[in-house]
Amino acid sequence: MAADGGLWIRDLYAGYGGVPVVRGVSLSVAPAEMVALVGANGAGKSTLLKCIAGLVRPTAGAIELDGTALAGRAAHEVVRAGIALVPEGRRLFGRLSVEDNLLLGAYARSEEERRADLPRMRELFPVLRERAGQLAGTLSGGEQQMVAIARALMARPRFLLLDEPSLGIAPRVVSRIYDTLGEIHGRGLGILLVEQNVRLALSRASRAYVLQTGSIVLSGAREELLESDLVRQAFLGL
């Protein structure tokens, strides 16, 4: 893809209290591409997503969306630019209804636009229609994940950042969620996916990066990584 097209991370560094967590990471996601970012706990995956989303300020490096610099920009500016994050653990407003959570995802858009997109979310996740008035905190883990994804989509992003979408969810529900993500991706949404289930991630993404102690140590097409000794031994148990 062209150097100014899609989402680009170049030589990014970030950390907490002077302790480095992300070390010189460079990666890219083309428009309408699904890319996985895999690695062990503590590798820096979530920190990297938070940097892109504007929740953690990088200490060096560049984040660009279609050639526009985003590094250091506030989170609400990143959302307006076209990037939305589905955080690890969902982070819903548990004492608000499902519908209110969805509407908050579109806070930067007009009331008319927000209301117009609710039927689309209910089409993607039919359970949201049944649970519209229910408090988000009373939903099952899988239902909460559906709300979290739909809330991010309410911002009408061009790129979606997903942090551990299968965590703590029953396998049959995970499969349903990933089928919906595939449908969304098929409509032209770019996705950067962080997923502990490496086999699942590589079954869905076209490319992947492997992160170890804050640095990219391997990248390539799905087929290449499935044949990599590092991936097979460290993540697939082969």
Foldseek 3Di string as FASTA:
>chain_A
DDPLAFKWWAQWWFDPPPDTQAGGATDGWGWLAEEEEEEDPSLCPQVVVCQLQQNTAIPDTFIHHSNHTDHNPHNVVSLLVFEFEQHPPRPFPQQAFLQVLLLVLQVVDDPVLLVVCPVVLCVLPVVCVVRRRPGLNPDDLLVSLSSSVSSPCSSVGQEYEYAASCPPHDPVSVVSVLVSVLVVSVVTHIYYYYHLQVVVSLVRGQKYFYGGSNYTPDIDGSVVLVPDPCCCVVRVVD
